[in-house]
Amino acid sequence: MARVLLAVRILAQDPDTDLDALSNELREKLPQGFKLLSISREAVAFGLESLVAWFSVPEEEGVTEKLESYLTSINGVGEFNVEAMSRTSE
């Protein structure tokens, strides 16, 4: 079954949000079938940082809505944007 790799930039809701705690919560609440491959910090501007998370998700209908639901359910997530997408086989 094919899978899709997604790079998602995640901005915190508040500049004072603890990004380490946010990263941990992202790992703990993964939907079934999702894999968090890596997560890193990247500078945005003026000392602000974002998280860039790489997910492997099943290639199936409705998976983007599932990703959106998952991210909006995480406390502290402000905005997010899918920056890269690629199909892969497993």
C-alpha atoms as a PDB file:
ATOM      1  CA  MET A   1       0.000   0.000   0.000  1.00  0.00           C
ATOM      2  CA  ALA A   2       1.325   3.419  -0.892  1.00  0.00           C
ATOM      3  CA  ARG A   3       1.875   6.143   1.674  1.00  0.00           C
ATOM      4  CA  VAL A   4       2.233   9.888   1.451  1.00  0.00           C
ATOM      5  CA  LEU A   5       5.030  11.898   3.057  1.00  0.00           C
ATOM      6  CA  LEU A   6       4.017  15.347   4.257  1.00  0.00           C
ATOM      7  CA  ALA A   7       6.177  18.179   5.571  1.00  0.00           C
ATOM      8  CA  VAL A   8       4.026  20.441   7.733  1.00  0.00           C
ATOM      9  CA  ARG A   9       5.138  23.806   9.148  1.00  0.00           C
ATOM     10  CA  ILE A  10       3.429  24.418  12.471  1.00  0.00           C
ATOM     11  CA  LEU A  11       3.253  27.820  14.130  1.00  0.00           C
ATOM     12  CA  ALA A  12       2.394  28.105  17.806  1.00  0.00           C
ATOM     13  CA  GLN A  13      -0.743  29.900  18.883  1.00  0.00           C
ATOM     14  CA  ASP A  14       1.271  32.126  21.224  1.00  0.00           C
ATOM     15  CA  PRO A  15       4.930  33.256  20.986  1.00  0.00           C
ATOM     16  CA  ASP A  16       5.477  31.987  24.556  1.00  0.00           C
ATOM     17  CA  THR A  17       4.323  28.433  23.768  1.00  0.00           C
ATOM     18  CA  ASP A  18       6.828  25.771  24.817  1.00  0.00           C
ATOM     19  CA  LEU A  19       7.756  24.122  21.506  1.00  0.00           C
ATOM     20  CA  ASP A  20       9.225  21.078  23.266  1.00  0.00           C
ATOM     21  CA  ALA A  21       5.897  20.431  25.008  1.00  0.00           C
ATOM     22  CA  LEU A  22       4.092  20.991  21.707  1.00  0.00           C
ATOM     23  CA  SER A  23       6.397  18.465  19.993  1.00  0.00           C
ATOM     24  CA  ASN A  24       5.689  15.893  22.703  1.00  0.00           C
ATOM     25  CA  GLU A  25       1.947  16.378  22.375  1.00  0.00           C
ATOM     26  CA  LEU A  26       2.192  15.935  18.598  1.00  0.00           C
ATOM     27  CA  ARG A  27       3.942  12.600  19.158  1.00  0.00           C
ATOM     28  CA  GLU A  28       1.485  11.378  21.802  1.00  0.00           C
ATOM     29  CA  LYS A  29      -1.770  12.053  19.933  1.00  0.00           C
ATOM     30  CA  LEU A  30      -1.027  10.609  16.486  1.00  0.00           C
ATOM     31  CA  PRO A  31      -4.068   9.230  14.686  1.00  0.00           C
ATOM     32  CA  GLN A  32      -4.053   5.546  13.777  1.00  0.00           C
ATOM     33  CA  GLY A  33      -2.007   4.926  10.631  1.00  0.00           C
ATOM     34  CA  PHE A  34       0.015   8.154  10.986  1.00  0.00           C
ATOM     35  CA  LYS A  35       3.753   8.073  11.672  1.00  0.00           C
ATOM     36  CA  LEU A  36       5.752  11.093  12.829  1.00  0.00           C
ATOM     37  CA  LEU A  37       9.107  10.626  11.103  1.00  0.00           C
ATOM     38  CA  SER A  38      10.859  13.731  12.407  1.00  0.00           C
ATOM     39  CA  ILE A  39      10.254  17.114  13.925  1.00  0.00           C
ATOM     40  CA  SER A  40      12.616  20.080  13.975  1.00  0.00           C
ATOM     41  CA  ARG A  41      12.657  23.771  14.782  1.00  0.00           C
ATOM     42  CA  GLU A  42      13.203  26.469  12.194  1.00  0.00           C
ATOM     43  CA  ALA A  43      13.610  30.193  12.667  1.00  0.00           C
ATOM     44  CA  VAL A  44      10.750  32.311  11.344  1.00  0.00           C
ATOM     45  CA  ALA A  45      11.636  35.936  12.195  1.00  0.00           C
ATOM     46  CA  PHE A  46      12.548  38.149  15.114  1.00  0.00           C
ATOM     47  CA  GLY A  47      13.440  35.233  17.379  1.00  0.00           C
ATOM     48  CA  LEU A  48      10.260  33.270  16.641  1.00  0.00           C
ATOM     49  CA  GLU A  49      10.507  29.615  15.710  1.00  0.00           C
ATOM     50  CA  SER A  50       8.200  27.136  14.025  1.00  0.00           C
ATOM     51  CA  LEU A  51       8.127  23.376  13.988  1.00  0.00           C
ATOM     52  CA  VAL A  52       8.551  21.376  10.799  1.00  0.00           C
ATOM     53  CA  ALA A  53       7.084  17.900  11.165  1.00  0.00           C
ATOM     54  CA  TRP A  54       7.426  15.095   8.621  1.00  0.00           C
ATOM     55  CA  PHE A  55       4.531  12.658   8.629  1.00  0.00           C
ATOM     56  CA  SER A  56       3.974   9.403   6.801  1.00  0.00           C
ATOM     57  CA  VAL A  57       0.246   8.895   6.270  1.00  0.00           C
ATOM     58  CA  PRO A  58      -1.797   6.285   4.411  1.00  0.00           C
ATOM     59  CA  GLU A  59      -2.738   7.147   0.853  1.00  0.00           C
ATOM     60  CA  GLU A  60      -6.495   7.144   1.261  1.00  0.00           C
ATOM     61  CA  GLU A  61      -9.425   9.423   0.739  1.00  0.00           C
ATOM     62  CA  GLY A  62      -9.976  11.927   3.567  1.00  0.00           C
ATOM     63  CA  VAL A  63      -6.461  11.764   4.984  1.00  0.00           C
ATOM     64  CA  THR A  64      -5.914  15.540   4.665  1.00  0.00           C
ATOM     65  CA  GLU A  65      -9.083  16.204   6.659  1.00  0.00           C
ATOM     66  CA  LYS A  66      -7.842  13.725   9.264  1.00  0.00           C
ATOM     67  CA  LEU A  67      -4.496  15.582   9.416  1.00  0.00           C
ATOM     68  CA  GLU A  68      -6.273  18.925   9.800  1.00  0.00           C
ATOM     69  CA  SER A  69      -8.499  17.556  12.581  1.00  0.00           C
ATOM     70  CA  TYR A  70      -5.495  16.102  14.360  1.00  0.00           C
ATOM     71  CA  LEU A  71      -3.487  19.336  14.238  1.00  0.00           C
ATOM     72  CA  THR A  72      -6.364  21.575  15.315  1.00  0.00           C
ATOM     73  CA  SER A  73      -7.002  19.271  18.292  1.00  0.00           C
ATOM     74  CA  ILE A  74      -3.499  19.872  19.673  1.00  0.00           C
ATOM     75  CA  ASN A  75      -3.416  22.580  22.339  1.00  0.00           C
ATOM     76  CA  GLY A  76      -1.021  25.363  21.318  1.00  0.00           C
ATOM     77  CA  VAL A  77      -1.127  24.849  17.544  1.00  0.00           C
ATOM     78  CA  GLY A  78      -1.933  28.141  15.836  1.00  0.00           C
ATOM     79  CA  GLU A  79      -1.446  27.861  12.099  1.00  0.00           C
ATOM     80  CA  PHE A  80      -0.049  25.075   9.947  1.00  0.00           C
ATOM     81  CA  ASN A  81       0.803  24.673   6.312  1.00  0.00           C
ATOM     82  CA  VAL A  82       1.688  21.605   4.241  1.00  0.00           C
ATOM     83  CA  GLU A  83       4.966  22.581   2.590  1.00  0.00           C
ATOM     84  CA  ALA A  84       5.855  19.363   0.787  1.00  0.00           C
ATOM     85  CA  MET A  85       4.069  16.209  -0.282  1.00  0.00           C
ATOM     86  CA  SER A  86       5.408  13.072  -1.919  1.00  0.00           C
ATOM     87  CA  ARG A  87       4.054   9.615  -2.625  1.00  0.00           C
ATOM     88  CA  THR A  88       6.105   6.630  -1.510  1.00  0.00           C
ATOM     89  CA  SER A  89       5.705   2.876  -1.263  1.00  0.00           C
ATOM     90  CA  GLU A  90       6.145   1.014   1.973  1.00  0.00           C
END
